[in-house]
Amino acid sequence: MMMINEHYRSGYVAIIGRPNVGKSTLLNYILGFHLSITSKKPQTTRHRLLGIKTTKTAQAVYIDTPGLHQKYQGAMHRYMNKEAITTLQDVDVIVFVVDGLKLTSEDDYVIELLARCEQPVILAVNKIDKIKNKKLLLPFIETLKNRLNFSDILPISANKGSNVTELEQKIESYLHLSSPYFPEEQFTDKSDRFLASELIREKLMRLLGQELPYALAVEVEAFEEEDSIIKIAAIIWVERTNQKSIIIGHKGQQLKAIGKQARISMEGLYNKKVFLKLWVKVKEGWSDDERALKSLGYQNDHVEN
């Protein structure tokens, strides 16, 4: 049992940024395990995801959000933007992640949103390990300083872990004096069923690459946990028959590889043997259908002021 004193701090931390800047990689490094799925494909993250880190001095409740964007349309993209934007109302500190020296109109959009926030905003300049000419870093930071009054600015590498401990220390300094909000052993707000569906989607994104249909969702139909094994059955939903063929692959080999990699990751997460069954089914137009999205778990449940 952890001893809590009057100096203990707790609070919510939003990790915000445009798609593909390394938000999920940062969360996973902070937590020390693979909670939020990652891939090179933009907008891998679709839901708000809590990652809870409890130490002897603080409990930081990190919220990994979908990448904020303007250029995409449709019900799925509206859902993801709303998930990210509503997060800004509910947190104690915001970490704004940018990708190295690359600033885009999507970053400008995020800065405009952050300008309306009253919470401390920490700028995390990520992927510094990939910047060949480090002399360009200081002028880039100066440019961003003129755009927003950041509480702190830290160059980091979420992939290598550079300066991430320093980032955590800065975050902790902005949390409230408070006892923990969650039990010491809890690490997320999501169910095992949800985490299983996300791991399957991650393997789809990594193995299929450019072939991957964006309009793809995973629904776990059955999750039965026994003493030594977990039995999982899941459906991969796509919008067209030719997309189904891509995922199944020649003689089912692609689907078999996806299932094998997902099963291995699940066994690492649950620390149990996993028996996984996968099916691919077609539901036309589901990604732009509000009702279909809700049936597949895409619904904004946050209360708006």
Protein backbone atom coordinates (compact mmCIF):
# COMPACT_ATOMS: atom_id res chain seq x y z
CA MET A 1 0.00 0.00 0.00
CA MET A 2 1.47 3.34 -1.07
CA MET A 3 1.77 6.06 1.58
CA ILE A 4 0.22 9.38 0.51
CA ASN A 5 1.36 12.65 2.14
CA GLU A 6 0.13 16.25 1.92
CA HIS A 7 2.61 17.00 -0.89
CA TYR A 8 1.18 14.36 -3.22
CA ARG A 9 -0.02 15.64 -6.62
CA SER A 10 -2.62 14.35 -9.07
CA GLY A 11 -4.17 15.61 -12.27
CA TYR A 12 -5.15 15.14 -15.90
CA VAL A 13 -2.73 15.74 -18.77
CA ALA A 14 -3.82 16.10 -22.41
CA ILE A 15 -1.37 15.05 -25.12
CA ILE A 16 -2.40 17.14 -28.13
CA GLY A 17 -1.12 17.63 -31.67
CA ARG A 18 -1.81 17.02 -35.33
CA PRO A 19 -1.80 13.45 -36.69
CA ASN A 20 1.42 11.42 -36.67
CA VAL A 21 3.61 13.61 -34.45
CA GLY A 22 4.28 10.81 -31.92
CA LYS A 23 1.64 11.36 -29.23
CA SER A 24 0.95 7.66 -28.69
CA THR A 25 4.65 6.80 -28.74
CA LEU A 26 5.21 9.41 -26.03
CA LEU A 27 2.42 8.00 -23.85
CA ASN A 28 3.75 4.46 -24.22
CA TYR A 29 7.26 5.55 -23.25
CA ILE A 30 5.99 7.39 -20.17
CA LEU A 31 3.91 4.42 -19.04
CA GLY A 32 6.67 1.93 -19.76
CA PHE A 33 4.48 -0.43 -21.80
CA HIS A 34 2.54 -0.56 -25.06
CA LEU A 35 -0.94 0.81 -24.29
CA SER A 36 -1.73 3.17 -27.17
CA ILE A 37 -1.43 1.62 -30.64
CA THR A 38 1.05 3.12 -33.08
CA SER A 39 1.79 2.97 -36.79
CA LYS A 40 3.25 5.17 -39.50
CA LYS A 41 -0.23 5.81 -40.86
CA PRO A 42 -1.75 9.18 -39.81
CA GLN A 43 -4.72 9.11 -37.44
CA THR A 44 -3.98 5.71 -35.98
CA THR A 45 -5.53 6.90 -32.69
CA ARG A 46 -9.32 7.26 -32.94
CA HIS A 47 -10.44 7.41 -29.29
CA ARG A 48 -9.54 9.30 -26.15
CA LEU A 49 -7.41 6.90 -24.13
CA LEU A 50 -6.41 7.29 -20.50
CA GLY A 51 -2.97 6.11 -19.45
CA ILE A 52 -2.49 6.33 -15.69
CA LYS A 53 0.99 6.61 -14.19
CA THR A 54 1.20 6.39 -10.40
CA THR A 55 4.46 7.08 -8.57
CA LYS A 56 5.40 7.79 -4.95
CA THR A 57 4.98 11.54 -5.52
CA ALA A 58 2.21 11.91 -8.12
CA GLN A 59 -0.50 10.35 -10.24
CA ALA A 60 -0.60 11.75 -13.77
CA VAL A 61 -3.63 10.73 -15.81
CA TYR A 62 -2.53 11.11 -19.43
CA ILE A 63 -5.09 11.44 -22.20
CA ASP A 64 -3.90 10.37 -25.64
CA THR A 65 -6.13 12.01 -28.24
CA PRO A 66 -6.79 11.57 -31.96
CA GLY A 67 -4.72 13.92 -34.12
CA LEU A 68 -6.43 17.25 -34.66
CA HIS A 69 -7.04 18.03 -38.32
CA GLN A 70 -9.03 20.24 -40.69
CA LYS A 71 -8.63 18.69 -44.12
CA TYR A 72 -10.56 15.45 -43.60
CA GLN A 73 -14.35 15.25 -43.81
CA GLY A 74 -17.02 12.73 -42.81
CA ALA A 75 -18.58 11.42 -39.61
CA MET A 76 -15.48 9.50 -38.46
CA HIS A 77 -13.26 12.59 -38.72
CA ARG A 78 -15.83 14.80 -36.96
CA TYR A 79 -15.94 12.25 -34.15
CA MET A 80 -12.13 12.22 -33.79
CA ASN A 81 -11.81 16.01 -33.77
CA LYS A 82 -14.53 16.27 -31.13
CA GLU A 83 -12.75 13.67 -28.98
CA ALA A 84 -9.56 15.76 -29.05
CA ILE A 85 -11.16 19.20 -28.63
CA THR A 86 -13.41 18.26 -25.69
CA THR A 87 -10.36 16.88 -23.89
CA LEU A 88 -8.95 20.41 -23.63
CA GLN A 89 -11.84 21.42 -21.35
CA ASP A 90 -11.18 18.73 -18.77
CA VAL A 91 -7.45 18.75 -18.01
CA ASP A 92 -4.96 20.47 -15.70
CA VAL A 93 -2.04 20.72 -18.11
CA ILE A 94 -1.62 20.32 -21.88
CA VAL A 95 1.37 18.85 -23.73
CA PHE A 96 1.45 20.12 -27.33
CA VAL A 97 3.56 17.78 -29.46
CA VAL A 98 5.10 18.91 -32.75
CA ASP A 99 7.12 16.84 -35.22
CA GLY A 100 10.74 18.04 -35.22
CA LEU A 101 11.13 21.18 -37.32
CA LYS A 102 8.01 20.51 -39.39
CA LEU A 103 5.16 22.99 -38.92
CA THR A 104 2.02 22.65 -41.03
CA SER A 105 -1.38 24.33 -41.28
CA GLU A 106 -2.66 21.54 -39.01
CA ASP A 107 -0.21 22.71 -36.30
CA ASP A 108 -1.49 26.27 -36.84
CA TYR A 109 -5.02 25.01 -36.22
CA VAL A 110 -3.95 23.39 -32.92
CA ILE A 111 -2.17 26.59 -31.82
CA GLU A 112 -5.36 28.57 -32.47
CA LEU A 113 -7.28 26.17 -30.21
CA LEU A 114 -4.63 26.30 -27.50
CA ALA A 115 -4.66 30.10 -27.50
CA ARG A 116 -8.16 29.90 -25.98
CA CYS A 117 -7.05 27.58 -23.14
CA GLU A 118 -6.25 28.83 -19.66
CA GLN A 119 -4.24 25.77 -18.55
CA PRO A 120 -0.44 25.62 -18.73
CA VAL A 121 0.71 24.44 -22.18
CA ILE A 122 4.05 22.63 -22.46
CA LEU A 123 5.56 22.50 -25.94
CA ALA A 124 7.26 19.16 -26.69
CA VAL A 125 9.37 19.35 -29.85
CA ASN A 126 9.49 15.64 -30.70
CA LYS A 127 11.76 13.51 -32.92
CA ILE A 128 14.88 15.58 -32.18
CA ASP A 129 16.92 12.41 -32.81
CA LYS A 130 16.02 12.81 -36.49
CA ILE A 131 17.14 16.45 -36.76
CA LYS A 132 20.53 16.41 -38.47
CA ASN A 133 21.34 20.10 -38.06
CA LYS A 134 20.66 20.84 -34.38
CA LYS A 135 21.48 24.54 -34.95
CA LEU A 136 18.07 24.92 -36.56
CA LEU A 137 16.31 23.94 -33.33
CA LEU A 138 16.71 27.21 -31.40
CA PRO A 139 15.36 29.49 -34.18
CA PHE A 140 12.45 27.08 -34.65
CA ILE A 141 11.62 27.26 -30.93
CA GLU A 142 11.88 31.06 -31.01
CA THR A 143 9.35 31.15 -33.85
CA LEU A 144 6.91 29.05 -31.80
CA LYS A 145 7.49 31.22 -28.69
CA ASN A 146 6.11 34.14 -30.66
CA ARG A 147 2.99 32.16 -31.51
CA LEU A 148 1.93 31.14 -27.99
CA ASN A 149 2.97 31.80 -24.41
CA PHE A 150 4.15 28.30 -23.55
CA SER A 151 4.70 27.44 -19.88
CA ASP A 152 7.71 25.33 -20.80
CA ILE A 153 9.46 24.16 -23.97
CA LEU A 154 11.32 20.87 -24.19
CA PRO A 155 13.00 19.18 -27.16
CA ILE A 156 12.35 15.43 -26.78
CA SER A 157 12.55 12.08 -28.52
CA ALA A 158 9.57 9.93 -27.53
CA ASN A 159 11.10 7.03 -29.42
CA LYS A 160 14.50 7.20 -27.71
CA GLY A 161 13.28 8.64 -24.40
CA SER A 162 15.44 11.77 -24.59
CA ASN A 163 14.27 14.44 -22.09
CA VAL A 164 11.04 12.52 -21.36
CA THR A 165 11.87 12.28 -17.64
CA GLU A 166 12.38 16.06 -17.60
CA LEU A 167 9.01 16.47 -19.34
CA GLU A 168 7.33 14.34 -16.67
CA GLN A 169 8.90 16.48 -13.93
CA LYS A 170 7.53 19.65 -15.57
CA ILE A 171 4.08 18.07 -15.87
CA GLU A 172 4.08 16.99 -12.22
CA SER A 173 4.83 20.55 -11.09
CA TYR A 174 1.53 21.70 -12.62
CA LEU A 175 -0.67 19.01 -11.04
CA HIS A 176 -2.84 19.77 -8.02
CA LEU A 177 -2.04 18.85 -4.45
CA SER A 178 -4.39 15.89 -4.17
CA SER A 179 -4.61 12.21 -3.37
CA PRO A 180 -4.74 9.82 -6.38
CA TYR A 181 -7.90 9.71 -8.48
CA PHE A 182 -7.48 6.05 -9.42
CA PRO A 183 -6.29 2.91 -7.58
CA GLU A 184 -2.53 2.44 -7.65
CA GLU A 185 -2.74 -0.70 -9.83
CA GLN A 186 -5.07 0.77 -12.49
CA PHE A 187 -3.31 1.82 -15.73
CA THR A 188 -6.18 2.74 -18.08
CA ASP A 189 -9.92 3.40 -18.25
CA LYS A 190 -10.44 1.04 -21.19
CA SER A 191 -11.67 -2.53 -20.98
CA ASP A 192 -9.67 -5.61 -22.00
CA ARG A 193 -12.15 -6.04 -24.85
CA PHE A 194 -11.36 -2.54 -26.16
CA LEU A 195 -7.60 -3.10 -25.88
CA ALA A 196 -7.94 -6.35 -27.83
CA SER A 197 -9.77 -4.59 -30.67
CA GLU A 198 -7.10 -1.88 -30.80
CA LEU A 199 -4.25 -4.41 -30.96
CA ILE A 200 -5.92 -6.11 -33.92
CA ARG A 201 -6.34 -2.74 -35.65
CA GLU A 202 -2.68 -1.91 -35.01
CA LYS A 203 -1.52 -5.11 -36.72
CA LEU A 204 -3.81 -4.38 -39.68
CA MET A 205 -2.27 -0.93 -40.06
CA ARG A 206 1.29 -2.19 -39.76
CA LEU A 207 1.00 -5.21 -42.05
CA LEU A 208 -1.17 -3.72 -44.78
CA GLY A 209 0.50 -0.30 -45.03
CA GLN A 210 -0.73 1.68 -48.03
CA GLU A 211 -3.18 -1.09 -48.97
CA LEU A 212 -5.09 -0.59 -45.74
CA PRO A 213 -8.61 0.76 -46.26
CA TYR A 214 -9.14 3.77 -43.98
CA ALA A 215 -12.77 2.78 -43.43
CA LEU A 216 -11.90 -0.17 -41.22
CA ALA A 217 -13.07 -1.04 -37.72
CA VAL A 218 -12.64 -3.97 -35.35
CA GLU A 219 -15.48 -5.26 -33.17
CA VAL A 220 -14.79 -7.84 -30.45
CA GLU A 221 -17.84 -10.08 -30.33
CA ALA A 222 -16.67 -12.44 -27.60
CA PHE A 223 -14.11 -12.16 -24.80
CA GLU A 224 -14.11 -15.18 -22.49
CA GLU A 225 -11.46 -15.31 -19.80
CA GLU A 226 -10.63 -18.61 -18.13
CA ASP A 227 -7.91 -19.54 -15.63
CA SER A 228 -5.15 -20.14 -18.17
CA ILE A 229 -6.53 -18.86 -21.48
CA ILE A 230 -8.57 -16.01 -23.01
CA LYS A 231 -10.82 -16.82 -25.97
CA ILE A 232 -11.47 -13.85 -28.26
CA ALA A 233 -13.63 -13.61 -31.39
CA ALA A 234 -13.54 -10.41 -33.45
CA ILE A 235 -14.95 -9.01 -36.68
CA ILE A 236 -12.97 -6.72 -38.98
CA TRP A 237 -15.46 -4.41 -40.70
CA VAL A 238 -14.74 -2.86 -44.10
CA GLU A 239 -16.89 -0.96 -46.59
CA ARG A 240 -16.28 -2.84 -49.84
CA THR A 241 -15.82 -6.44 -50.97
CA ASN A 242 -12.43 -5.74 -52.58
CA GLN A 243 -11.20 -4.42 -49.20
CA LYS A 244 -12.21 -7.73 -47.63
CA SER A 245 -10.05 -9.57 -50.18
CA ILE A 246 -7.04 -7.35 -49.36
CA ILE A 247 -7.26 -8.15 -45.65
CA ILE A 248 -7.77 -11.90 -46.12
CA GLY A 249 -4.97 -12.14 -48.69
CA HIS A 250 -4.01 -15.07 -50.90
CA LYS A 251 -5.38 -18.28 -49.37
CA GLY A 252 -6.03 -16.40 -46.13
CA GLN A 253 -2.33 -15.83 -45.43
CA GLN A 254 -2.64 -12.09 -44.68
CA LEU A 255 -5.42 -12.58 -42.14
CA LYS A 256 -3.49 -15.43 -40.55
CA ALA A 257 -0.41 -13.20 -40.12
CA ILE A 258 -2.53 -10.39 -38.64
CA GLY A 259 -4.11 -12.81 -36.18
CA LYS A 260 -0.75 -14.27 -35.15
CA GLN A 261 0.83 -10.89 -34.42
CA ALA A 262 -2.27 -9.65 -32.56
CA ARG A 263 -2.37 -12.83 -30.46
CA ILE A 264 1.31 -12.47 -29.48
CA SER A 265 0.76 -8.84 -28.39
CA MET A 266 -2.36 -9.80 -26.43
CA GLU A 267 -0.51 -12.55 -24.59
CA GLY A 268 2.12 -9.99 -23.60
CA LEU A 269 -0.55 -7.56 -22.36
CA TYR A 270 -2.78 -10.05 -20.52
CA ASN A 271 0.00 -12.43 -19.43
CA LYS A 272 -2.14 -15.40 -20.53
CA LYS A 273 -2.47 -17.67 -23.54
CA VAL A 274 -4.90 -16.27 -26.11
CA PHE A 275 -7.05 -18.12 -28.63
CA LEU A 276 -8.10 -15.62 -31.32
CA LYS A 277 -10.63 -16.01 -34.13
CA LEU A 278 -10.99 -13.31 -36.81
CA TRP A 279 -13.62 -12.74 -39.50
CA VAL A 280 -13.81 -10.01 -42.15
CA LYS A 281 -17.25 -8.59 -43.00
CA VAL A 282 -18.57 -5.82 -45.25
CA LYS A 283 -20.81 -2.97 -44.04
CA GLU A 284 -21.14 -0.37 -46.79
CA GLY A 285 -20.70 3.29 -45.82
CA TRP A 286 -20.29 2.66 -42.10
CA SER A 287 -17.54 5.30 -41.59
CA ASP A 288 -19.86 8.16 -42.61
CA ASP A 289 -22.97 6.79 -40.88
CA GLU A 290 -23.54 8.21 -37.38
CA ARG A 291 -25.68 5.25 -36.30
CA ALA A 292 -23.17 2.68 -37.59
CA LEU A 293 -20.33 4.53 -35.84
CA LYS A 294 -22.16 4.44 -32.51
CA SER A 295 -22.85 0.71 -32.89
CA LEU A 296 -19.11 0.17 -33.32
CA GLY A 297 -18.23 2.23 -30.22
CA TYR A 298 -17.50 5.59 -31.84
CA GLN A 299 -19.53 7.99 -29.75
CA ASN A 300 -18.64 11.16 -27.88
CA ASP A 301 -19.83 10.64 -24.32
CA HIS A 302 -18.35 13.82 -22.85
CA VAL A 303 -20.67 16.36 -21.33
CA GLU A 304 -20.47 19.75 -23.04
CA ASN A 305 -20.80 23.02 -21.14
